Protein backbone atom coordinates (compact mmCIF):
# COMPACT_ATOMS: atom_id res chain seq x y z
CA MET A 1 -7.44 56.95 -3.35
CA GLY A 2 -9.41 57.16 -6.56
CA SER A 3 -12.65 58.04 -4.77
CA LYS A 4 -14.30 61.43 -5.35
CA TRP A 5 -14.27 63.70 -2.32
CA GLU A 6 -17.31 65.94 -1.81
CA PRO A 7 -16.28 69.33 -0.35
CA TRP A 8 -17.69 70.33 3.00
CA ASN A 9 -20.02 73.34 2.85
CA GLY A 10 -18.00 75.21 5.45
CA PHE A 11 -14.94 75.15 3.20
CA HIS A 12 -16.63 77.50 0.74
CA ARG A 13 -16.39 80.28 3.24
CA LYS A 14 -13.62 82.72 2.54
CA ASN A 15 -12.39 82.81 6.13
CA ASN A 16 -11.68 79.02 6.02
CA HIS A 17 -9.35 79.07 3.03
CA ILE A 18 -6.30 79.04 5.30
CA LEU A 19 -7.52 75.85 6.97
CA VAL A 20 -8.04 74.20 3.58
CA LYS A 21 -4.50 75.03 2.48
CA LEU A 22 -3.06 73.80 5.75
CA PHE A 23 -4.97 70.51 5.50
CA ALA A 24 -3.87 69.96 1.89
CA SER A 25 -0.24 70.66 2.75
CA VAL A 26 -0.24 68.16 5.59
CA LEU A 27 -1.88 65.57 3.36
CA LEU A 28 0.69 66.03 0.58
CA VAL A 29 3.58 65.79 3.01
CA GLY A 30 2.16 62.57 4.42
CA ILE A 31 1.69 61.00 0.98
CA SER A 32 5.20 61.99 -0.08
CA PHE A 33 6.68 60.49 3.06
CA ARG A 34 4.91 57.17 2.41
CA LEU A 35 6.08 57.09 -1.20
CA PHE A 36 9.73 57.95 -0.57
CA SER A 37 10.08 55.79 2.54
CA SER A 38 8.86 52.62 0.81
CA ASP A 39 11.50 49.94 0.26
CA SER A 40 11.61 49.12 -3.43
CA SER A 41 12.98 45.68 -2.63
CA GLY A 42 9.62 44.68 -1.20
CA LEU A 43 11.23 43.29 1.96
CA VAL A 44 9.64 45.73 4.41
CA PRO A 45 6.78 44.04 6.30
CA VAL A 46 3.41 45.71 6.02
CA SER A 47 0.24 45.40 8.03
CA TRP A 48 -3.03 44.68 6.26
CA SER A 49 -6.51 45.93 6.84
CA THR A 50 -9.41 43.49 6.88
CA GLU A 51 -10.32 44.71 3.39
CA ALA A 52 -6.82 43.98 2.09
CA VAL A 53 -6.83 40.50 3.55
CA GLU A 54 -10.18 39.75 1.92
CA ARG A 55 -8.89 40.98 -1.44
CA ALA A 56 -5.89 38.69 -1.08
CA ALA A 57 -7.96 35.62 -0.24
CA VAL A 58 -8.10 34.51 -3.89
CA PRO A 59 -4.76 34.63 -5.77
CA VAL A 60 -4.86 36.30 -9.16
CA ALA A 61 -2.57 36.33 -12.15
CA ASP A 62 -1.52 39.31 -14.21
CA VAL A 63 -2.72 38.77 -17.79
CA GLY A 64 -0.20 41.28 -19.08
CA ASP A 65 -2.64 43.70 -20.70
CA GLY A 66 -3.48 45.61 -17.55
CA GLU A 67 -6.37 43.35 -16.57
CA ILE A 68 -6.44 41.04 -13.58
CA ARG A 69 -8.24 37.73 -13.80
CA LYS A 70 -8.59 34.53 -11.84
CA ASP A 71 -6.43 31.75 -13.19
CA SER A 72 -8.55 29.33 -15.19
CA SER A 73 -7.57 25.76 -14.40
CA SER A 74 -9.30 22.78 -15.90
CA THR A 75 -8.83 19.07 -16.27
CA ASP A 76 -8.25 17.40 -19.62
CA ASN A 77 -9.34 13.88 -20.52
CA THR A 78 -5.90 12.44 -19.73
CA GLY A 79 -6.34 13.16 -16.03
CA ASN A 80 -3.75 15.94 -15.97
CA VAL A 81 -4.39 19.46 -14.78
CA ASP A 82 -4.33 21.88 -17.69
CA ALA A 83 -3.49 25.01 -15.75
CA SER A 84 -2.35 28.47 -16.68
CA ILE A 85 0.15 28.82 -13.87
CA PRO A 86 0.72 32.41 -12.73
CA GLU A 87 4.40 33.33 -12.79
CA THR A 88 3.90 35.99 -10.13
CA THR A 89 2.38 35.74 -6.70
CA PRO A 90 -0.24 38.17 -5.39
CA ASP A 91 1.09 41.58 -4.40
CA ILE A 92 1.27 40.66 -0.70
CA GLU A 93 4.33 41.15 1.46
CA GLU A 94 5.37 38.88 4.29
CA VAL A 95 3.37 38.92 7.49
CA SER A 96 4.52 41.75 9.73
CA GLN A 97 6.01 40.72 13.05
CA GLU A 98 3.76 43.39 14.54
CA GLU A 99 0.72 41.40 13.43
CA LYS A 100 1.47 38.71 16.04
CA CYS A 101 -0.43 36.35 13.78
CA ASP A 102 -0.16 32.61 14.40
CA LEU A 103 0.68 31.31 10.93
CA PHE A 104 -0.15 27.77 12.00
CA ASN A 105 -3.69 28.42 13.27
CA GLY A 106 -6.23 28.85 10.53
CA GLU A 107 -8.40 27.09 7.98
CA TRP A 108 -8.32 25.85 4.42
CA ILE A 109 -10.27 28.09 2.06
CA PRO A 110 -11.17 27.59 -1.62
CA ASN A 111 -8.46 28.61 -4.08
CA PRO A 112 -9.82 28.76 -7.65
CA SER A 113 -6.33 29.46 -9.02
CA GLY A 114 -5.22 25.94 -8.25
CA PRO A 115 -1.68 24.67 -7.69
CA ALA A 116 1.54 26.52 -8.45
CA TYR A 117 2.71 23.68 -10.72
CA THR A 118 1.32 20.51 -12.28
CA ASN A 119 2.36 16.90 -12.55
CA GLU A 120 3.31 17.66 -16.16
CA SER A 121 5.28 20.86 -15.51
CA CYS A 122 7.46 19.30 -12.78
CA LYS A 123 9.59 16.26 -13.58
CA PHE A 124 10.84 15.87 -9.99
CA ILE A 125 7.69 14.22 -8.62
CA GLU A 126 8.40 10.59 -7.74
CA ALA A 127 5.92 7.94 -8.82
CA PRO A 128 4.24 7.22 -5.43
CA GLN A 129 3.29 10.91 -5.07
CA ASN A 130 2.26 11.47 -8.70
CA CYS A 131 -1.42 10.87 -8.01
CA MET A 132 -2.76 12.36 -11.23
CA THR A 133 -0.51 10.28 -13.46
CA ASN A 134 -1.43 7.23 -11.40
CA GLY A 135 -5.10 7.78 -12.22
CA ARG A 136 -6.64 9.66 -9.31
CA PRO A 137 -9.97 10.81 -10.78
CA ASP A 138 -10.92 13.73 -8.48
CA ARG A 139 -9.22 17.14 -8.56
CA GLY A 140 -10.87 19.06 -5.73
CA TYR A 141 -7.91 18.53 -3.40
CA LEU A 142 -5.83 20.83 -5.62
CA TYR A 143 -8.00 23.90 -5.06
CA TRP A 144 -7.49 24.86 -1.42
CA ARG A 145 -5.25 27.42 0.26
CA TRP A 146 -4.16 27.75 3.90
CA LYS A 147 -5.50 30.93 5.51
CA PRO A 148 -4.24 31.82 9.01
CA TYR A 149 -6.82 33.55 11.20
CA GLY A 150 -6.32 37.31 11.25
CA CYS A 151 -3.69 37.58 8.51
CA ASP A 152 -2.56 36.11 5.24
CA ILE A 153 0.63 34.66 3.82
CA PRO A 154 2.00 35.09 0.30
CA LEU A 155 2.35 32.15 -2.00
CA PHE A 156 5.82 30.77 -2.61
CA ASN A 157 7.89 32.99 -4.87
CA ALA A 158 10.68 30.91 -6.42
CA LYS A 159 12.75 33.80 -7.77
CA ARG A 160 12.64 35.68 -4.50
CA PHE A 161 13.53 32.58 -2.50
CA LEU A 162 16.54 31.84 -4.71
CA ASP A 163 17.70 35.44 -4.50
CA VAL A 164 17.62 35.28 -0.69
CA VAL A 165 19.55 31.99 -0.53
CA ARG A 166 22.13 32.83 -3.18
CA ASN A 167 25.52 31.25 -2.36
CA LYS A 168 23.93 29.29 0.51
CA SER A 169 23.45 25.62 1.31
CA TRP A 170 20.23 24.01 2.57
CA ALA A 171 19.59 20.54 3.93
CA LEU A 172 16.37 18.70 4.66
CA ILE A 173 17.04 15.88 7.09
CA GLY A 174 14.64 13.12 8.03
CA ASP A 175 12.45 10.37 6.61
CA SER A 176 10.34 9.74 3.51
CA ILE A 177 7.97 12.58 4.43
CA LEU A 178 10.97 14.91 4.18
CA ARG A 179 11.64 13.38 0.76
CA ASN A 180 8.02 14.15 -0.12
CA HIS A 181 8.63 17.71 1.11
CA VAL A 182 11.82 18.10 -0.95
CA GLN A 183 10.01 17.10 -4.14
CA SER A 184 7.50 19.89 -3.51
CA LEU A 185 10.24 22.44 -2.85
CA ILE A 186 12.15 21.54 -6.01
CA CYS A 187 8.98 21.67 -8.10
CA LEU A 188 8.34 25.19 -6.82
CA LEU A 189 11.94 26.33 -7.28
CA SER A 190 12.23 24.85 -10.78
CA LYS A 191 9.77 27.49 -11.98
CA ALA A 192 12.66 29.95 -11.63
CA GLU A 193 15.64 27.67 -12.24
CA GLU A 194 15.95 23.94 -12.85
CA PRO A 195 18.52 22.29 -10.59
CA VAL A 196 21.23 19.80 -11.52
CA GLU A 197 21.54 16.65 -9.43
CA VAL A 198 25.15 16.40 -8.26
CA TYR A 199 24.94 13.45 -5.84
CA HIS A 200 22.83 10.49 -4.81
CA ASP A 201 23.49 7.44 -2.67
CA ALA A 202 23.00 3.89 -3.92
CA ASP A 203 19.28 3.86 -3.04
CA TYR A 204 18.57 7.47 -4.08
CA LYS A 205 17.45 8.23 -0.52
CA SER A 206 20.09 10.89 0.10
CA ARG A 207 20.54 13.33 -2.77
CA ARG A 208 21.93 16.76 -3.57
CA TRP A 209 21.00 19.35 -6.20
CA HIS A 210 22.75 22.51 -7.32
CA PHE A 211 21.14 25.66 -8.78
CA PRO A 212 24.08 27.03 -10.78
CA SER A 213 22.74 30.52 -11.52
CA HIS A 214 22.33 31.16 -7.79
CA ASN A 215 25.13 28.91 -6.52
CA PHE A 216 22.53 27.38 -4.21
CA THR A 217 22.79 23.78 -2.98
CA LEU A 218 19.87 21.73 -1.69
CA SER A 219 20.53 18.41 0.07
CA LEU A 220 18.21 15.63 1.16
CA ILE A 221 19.70 13.46 3.91
CA TRP A 222 18.01 10.18 4.75
CA ALA A 223 17.98 9.85 8.55
CA PRO A 224 14.52 8.54 9.52
CA PHE A 225 15.24 8.40 13.27
CA LEU A 226 17.77 11.28 13.42
CA ILE A 227 19.66 9.04 15.86
CA ARG A 228 21.81 6.02 15.02
CA ALA A 229 19.67 3.19 13.65
CA ASP A 230 20.50 -0.25 12.29
CA ILE A 231 17.74 -0.93 9.77
CA PHE A 232 17.03 -4.33 8.25
CA GLU A 233 14.04 -3.70 5.99
CA ASN A 234 13.48 -3.04 2.29
CA ASP A 235 11.52 -0.27 0.59
CA ASP A 236 8.27 -2.23 0.97
CA GLY A 237 8.64 -2.32 4.74
CA GLU A 238 9.51 -6.01 4.81
CA SER A 239 12.02 -6.62 7.60
CA LYS A 240 14.30 -9.58 8.27
CA SER A 241 15.01 -8.40 11.82
CA GLU A 242 13.97 -5.76 14.34
CA LEU A 243 15.33 -2.25 14.08
CA GLU A 244 18.02 -1.41 16.59
CA LEU A 245 18.12 2.16 17.91
CA HIS A 246 20.95 3.72 19.90
CA LEU A 247 19.21 6.35 22.01
CA ASP A 248 22.45 8.07 23.02
CA MET A 249 23.97 8.48 19.53
CA LEU A 250 22.94 10.83 16.73
CA ASP A 251 23.03 9.68 13.12
CA THR A 252 26.43 10.66 11.73
CA LYS A 253 25.03 10.85 8.20
CA TRP A 254 23.81 14.33 9.07
CA THR A 255 25.97 15.39 12.02
CA ASN A 256 29.15 14.96 9.95
CA GLN A 257 27.79 17.46 7.41
CA TYR A 258 26.13 19.85 9.85
CA ASN A 259 28.81 22.54 9.67
CA SER A 260 28.46 22.84 5.90
CA PHE A 261 24.83 23.97 5.96
CA ASP A 262 23.46 27.51 6.30
CA TYR A 263 19.83 26.38 6.65
CA ILE A 264 18.37 23.09 7.85
CA VAL A 265 14.85 21.67 7.91
CA ILE A 266 14.68 18.62 10.15
CA SER A 267 11.98 16.25 11.41
CA GLY A 268 11.21 12.65 12.20
CA GLY A 269 8.79 10.63 14.25
CA GLN A 270 6.81 8.13 12.21
CA TRP A 271 9.55 5.48 12.25
CA PHE A 272 9.43 5.39 16.04
CA LEU A 273 6.12 3.52 15.74
CA LYS A 274 7.95 0.51 14.31
CA THR A 275 9.08 -2.57 16.20
CA ALA A 276 12.53 -1.80 17.61
CA ILE A 277 15.18 -2.82 20.12
CA TYR A 278 16.68 0.02 22.15
CA TRP A 279 20.32 0.47 23.18
CA GLU A 280 21.98 2.87 25.60
CA LYS A 281 25.67 2.82 26.53
CA ASN A 282 26.12 -0.22 24.28
CA THR A 283 23.56 -2.17 26.32
CA VAL A 284 20.07 -3.32 25.31
CA ILE A 285 17.57 -1.62 27.63
CA GLY A 286 14.34 -2.96 26.15
CA CYS A 287 12.20 -2.97 23.04
CA HIS A 288 8.93 -1.93 21.46
CA TYR A 289 6.52 -4.63 20.21
CA CYS A 290 9.27 -7.25 19.97
CA THR A 291 7.33 -10.31 21.08
CA GLY A 292 9.24 -13.43 22.03
CA LYS A 293 12.47 -11.58 22.82
CA ASN A 294 12.15 -11.65 26.61
CA LEU A 295 12.95 -7.93 26.73
CA THR A 296 11.33 -5.15 28.72
CA GLU A 297 8.59 -3.37 26.79
CA VAL A 298 9.44 0.31 26.40
CA GLY A 299 6.70 2.70 25.32
CA LEU A 300 7.00 5.32 22.61
CA GLU A 301 7.54 8.29 24.90
CA TYR A 302 10.96 7.41 26.32
CA PRO A 303 12.84 6.77 23.03
CA TYR A 304 11.22 9.67 21.17
CA ARG A 305 11.91 12.10 23.99
CA LYS A 306 15.51 10.87 24.30
CA ALA A 307 16.08 11.30 20.55
CA LEU A 308 14.67 14.84 20.47
CA HIS A 309 16.57 15.88 23.58
CA LEU A 310 19.79 14.65 21.98
CA LEU A 311 18.93 16.41 18.73
CA PHE A 312 18.15 19.80 20.28
CA SER A 313 21.12 19.62 22.65
CA PHE A 314 23.41 19.12 19.66
CA ILE A 315 21.87 22.07 17.81
CA THR A 316 21.88 24.54 20.70
CA SER A 317 25.41 23.67 21.86
CA SER A 318 27.02 23.68 18.42
CA ILE A 319 29.49 26.44 17.56
CA HIS A 320 28.10 26.45 14.04
CA LYS A 321 24.92 28.56 13.83
CA PRO A 322 22.72 27.66 10.86
CA LEU A 323 19.04 28.53 10.88
CA VAL A 324 17.39 25.26 11.91
CA ILE A 325 13.68 24.76 11.25
CA TYR A 326 12.11 21.86 13.10
CA ARG A 327 8.95 20.53 11.41
CA THR A 328 6.38 18.93 13.65
CA TRP A 329 4.75 15.50 13.64
CA THR A 330 2.73 14.56 10.55
CA PRO A 331 -0.55 12.76 11.30
CA ASP A 332 -1.82 10.03 8.99
CA HIS A 333 -5.45 9.63 7.91
CA PHE A 334 -5.93 5.86 7.75
CA GLU A 335 -9.53 4.84 8.33
CA ASN A 336 -10.93 1.33 8.84
CA GLY A 337 -7.45 -0.06 9.38
CA GLU A 338 -3.77 0.76 8.95
CA TRP A 339 -1.04 0.26 6.32
CA PHE A 340 -0.96 -3.49 6.84
CA ASN A 341 -4.64 -4.39 7.22
CA GLY A 342 -6.68 -2.54 4.64
CA GLY A 343 -6.74 1.04 5.92
CA THR A 344 -8.08 3.59 3.44
CA CYS A 345 -8.31 7.36 2.92
CA ASN A 346 -11.03 8.08 0.39
CA ARG A 347 -12.13 11.55 1.46
CA THR A 348 -12.15 14.28 -1.18
CA ASP A 349 -12.55 17.42 0.99
CA PRO A 350 -10.65 18.93 3.93
CA TYR A 351 -11.96 18.53 7.44
CA LYS A 352 -13.47 21.54 9.12
CA LYS A 353 -11.86 22.58 12.39
CA GLY A 354 -12.96 20.24 15.17
CA GLU A 355 -14.29 17.58 12.81
CA PHE A 356 -11.22 15.39 13.36
CA ASN A 357 -8.87 15.83 16.30
CA GLY A 358 -6.27 13.18 15.55
CA LYS A 359 -5.43 9.86 17.15
CA ASP A 360 -4.02 9.19 20.60
CA VAL A 361 -0.56 8.56 19.14
CA ASP A 362 -0.69 11.94 17.38
CA HIS A 363 -1.38 13.71 20.66
CA LEU A 364 1.40 11.82 22.43
CA MET A 365 4.12 12.40 19.84
CA ARG A 366 3.21 16.03 19.28
CA ARG A 367 3.20 16.75 23.02
CA ILE A 368 6.69 15.28 23.35
CA GLU A 369 8.19 17.28 20.52
CA ILE A 370 6.61 20.58 21.58
CA GLU A 371 7.84 20.11 25.15
CA GLU A 372 11.37 19.27 24.02
CA PHE A 373 11.43 22.14 21.53
CA GLU A 374 10.32 24.62 24.20
CA LYS A 375 12.98 23.35 26.60
CA ALA A 376 15.65 23.85 23.94
CA THR A 377 14.58 27.37 22.99
CA ALA A 378 14.26 28.45 26.63
CA LEU A 379 17.90 27.71 27.45
CA ASP A 380 19.46 30.77 29.02
CA GLY A 381 22.67 31.92 27.39
CA SER A 382 22.30 29.69 24.34
CA GLU A 383 23.33 31.61 21.25
CA ASN A 384 21.82 28.98 19.01
CA SER A 385 18.39 28.72 20.64
CA SER A 386 17.29 31.86 18.74
CA ARG A 387 18.34 30.15 15.50
CA LEU A 388 15.95 27.27 16.14
CA LYS A 389 12.50 27.81 14.63
CA LEU A 390 9.31 25.76 14.68
CA LEU A 391 7.46 24.84 11.48
CA ASP A 392 4.22 23.67 13.06
CA THR A 393 2.44 21.95 10.19
CA TYR A 394 0.51 19.57 12.46
CA HIS A 395 -2.90 21.28 12.52
CA LEU A 396 -3.01 22.29 8.87
CA SER A 397 -1.98 18.75 7.87
CA LEU A 398 -4.52 17.20 10.24
CA LEU A 399 -7.31 18.91 8.29
CA ARG A 400 -6.32 17.42 4.91
CA PRO A 401 -7.41 13.76 4.68
CA ASP A 402 -8.04 14.36 0.99
CA GLY A 403 -4.41 15.13 0.15
CA HIS A 404 -2.86 11.65 0.37
CA SER A 405 -1.88 9.25 -2.38
CA GLY A 406 -4.28 6.61 -1.06
CA PRO A 407 -4.57 3.79 -3.60
CA TYR A 408 -2.93 6.00 -6.25
CA ARG A 409 0.58 5.38 -4.92
CA THR A 410 0.89 2.95 -7.85
CA TYR A 411 0.06 3.39 -11.50
CA ARG A 412 -3.64 2.95 -12.29
CA PRO A 413 -4.35 0.56 -9.39
CA PHE A 414 -7.90 -0.28 -10.43
CA ASP A 415 -7.24 -1.26 -14.04
CA SER A 416 -7.91 -4.88 -13.10
CA GLY A 417 -11.29 -3.95 -11.61
CA LYS A 418 -12.84 -1.38 -9.31
CA ASN A 419 -12.86 -3.87 -6.44
CA ALA A 420 -9.17 -4.70 -6.69
CA THR A 421 -7.34 -5.13 -3.38
CA VAL A 422 -4.94 -2.21 -3.15
CA GLN A 423 -2.65 -1.02 -0.35
CA ASN A 424 -3.34 2.63 0.49
CA ASP A 425 -0.84 5.32 1.46
CA CYS A 426 -2.59 7.67 3.88
CA LEU A 427 0.61 9.22 5.22
CA HIS A 428 2.51 10.66 2.25
CA TRP A 429 1.07 13.41 0.08
CA CYS A 430 0.06 13.86 -3.53
CA LEU A 431 2.05 16.41 -5.51
CA PRO A 432 0.92 19.01 -6.14
CA GLY A 433 -0.99 19.03 -2.86
CA PRO A 434 -1.19 20.27 0.74
CA VAL A 435 2.53 19.77 1.35
CA ASP A 436 3.21 22.73 -0.96
CA THR A 437 1.85 24.97 1.81
CA TRP A 438 4.74 23.87 4.04
CA ASN A 439 7.04 25.72 1.66
CA ASP A 440 4.88 28.85 1.73
CA LEU A 441 5.40 28.82 5.50
CA ILE A 442 9.13 28.13 5.22
CA MET A 443 9.51 31.15 2.97
CA GLN A 444 7.67 33.21 5.55
CA LEU A 445 10.03 32.06 8.31
CA LEU A 446 12.99 32.86 6.06
CA LEU A 447 11.82 36.36 5.18
CA ASN A 448 11.05 37.18 8.80
CA GLU A 449 14.61 36.34 9.83
């Protein structure tokens, strides 16, 4: 369309005029059919040519005067991103089911447009994830976009998301990484409507927000193990006693509310690495790293597998049928140590595929959860197994060592000197940052339902 067609020489012959008219008629009918069969709501999946995918690789913003330009983001001298945030996403529809594209297999490509929001435009970012305010000097980690091989995904569209979930209730259930995830989701949604907090527990770990214009409720439920856990530690990880896990009981903080939710995002995992004592049938069966207790050492696989089996059995056997999205294991990027002994994460660029393949514990925990998920979704006759979806963020997260808070989990950690001893956070994510892509993928799963 828009290109100039050169006539074929044979068409100038008088005896070919009938063929010309026939060709033009067929062409006009075809164009009319495409125009009048298009869904004005924009919800009909489309397939993209290679050219279309390449055009979509760099998001653009509509200036409003008919021109299209790249968004010009820059950094001011206060350390904040001074970005002209586009209010509309690129004109790309959701990935067609016919594409058979693996949304979770791809690479990070440069994104000159930058993040969808800034640390100044969103007030819902908690201090440990507010890397820019805390003094992080580099900004390169903000300018990458996830690109699945063979297709593309649209950026998160807050208005469209809220329209789809009008009069619905969502819950995100899990640990502090889920809390990190919720902050990102609210920052994205607040571009269309700012929520009102209607509940929080004493420690602000479980919270609930309401979007009045859409009658949409978003809950965060703190359940780091998903199963029943007696926890004796503070927010700094200092514990006065070992954790006690009941491997045959789910955490009632979320199961008691399960029937009230239309959509659920759920995950766990990292807390299973902690020292713990394990119970089954009200009897201690062993422990993990609990020296001096004269208890049988139990590896990570048994308790994690038991917890996930219990979780998925509950979901697939429940009469209530929400859409449940299970998010996979999140790898950390500690180098030269761990949380407790000086581990750091100072990289400023994503890994290329194959450059880092994860740690042994990553492979173990991910294998367990994929196996248990596949068992649950393969259950014959289970009405709920089709309502259980996988949000496989493992590989795309594995490639982003640059996206963590690192030393900038606290305010200006090096004010006392560049060689100050600082504890790094190489597990949770800066906001804005790579975790925002998780919500792009969630919207894709939602629209493909």
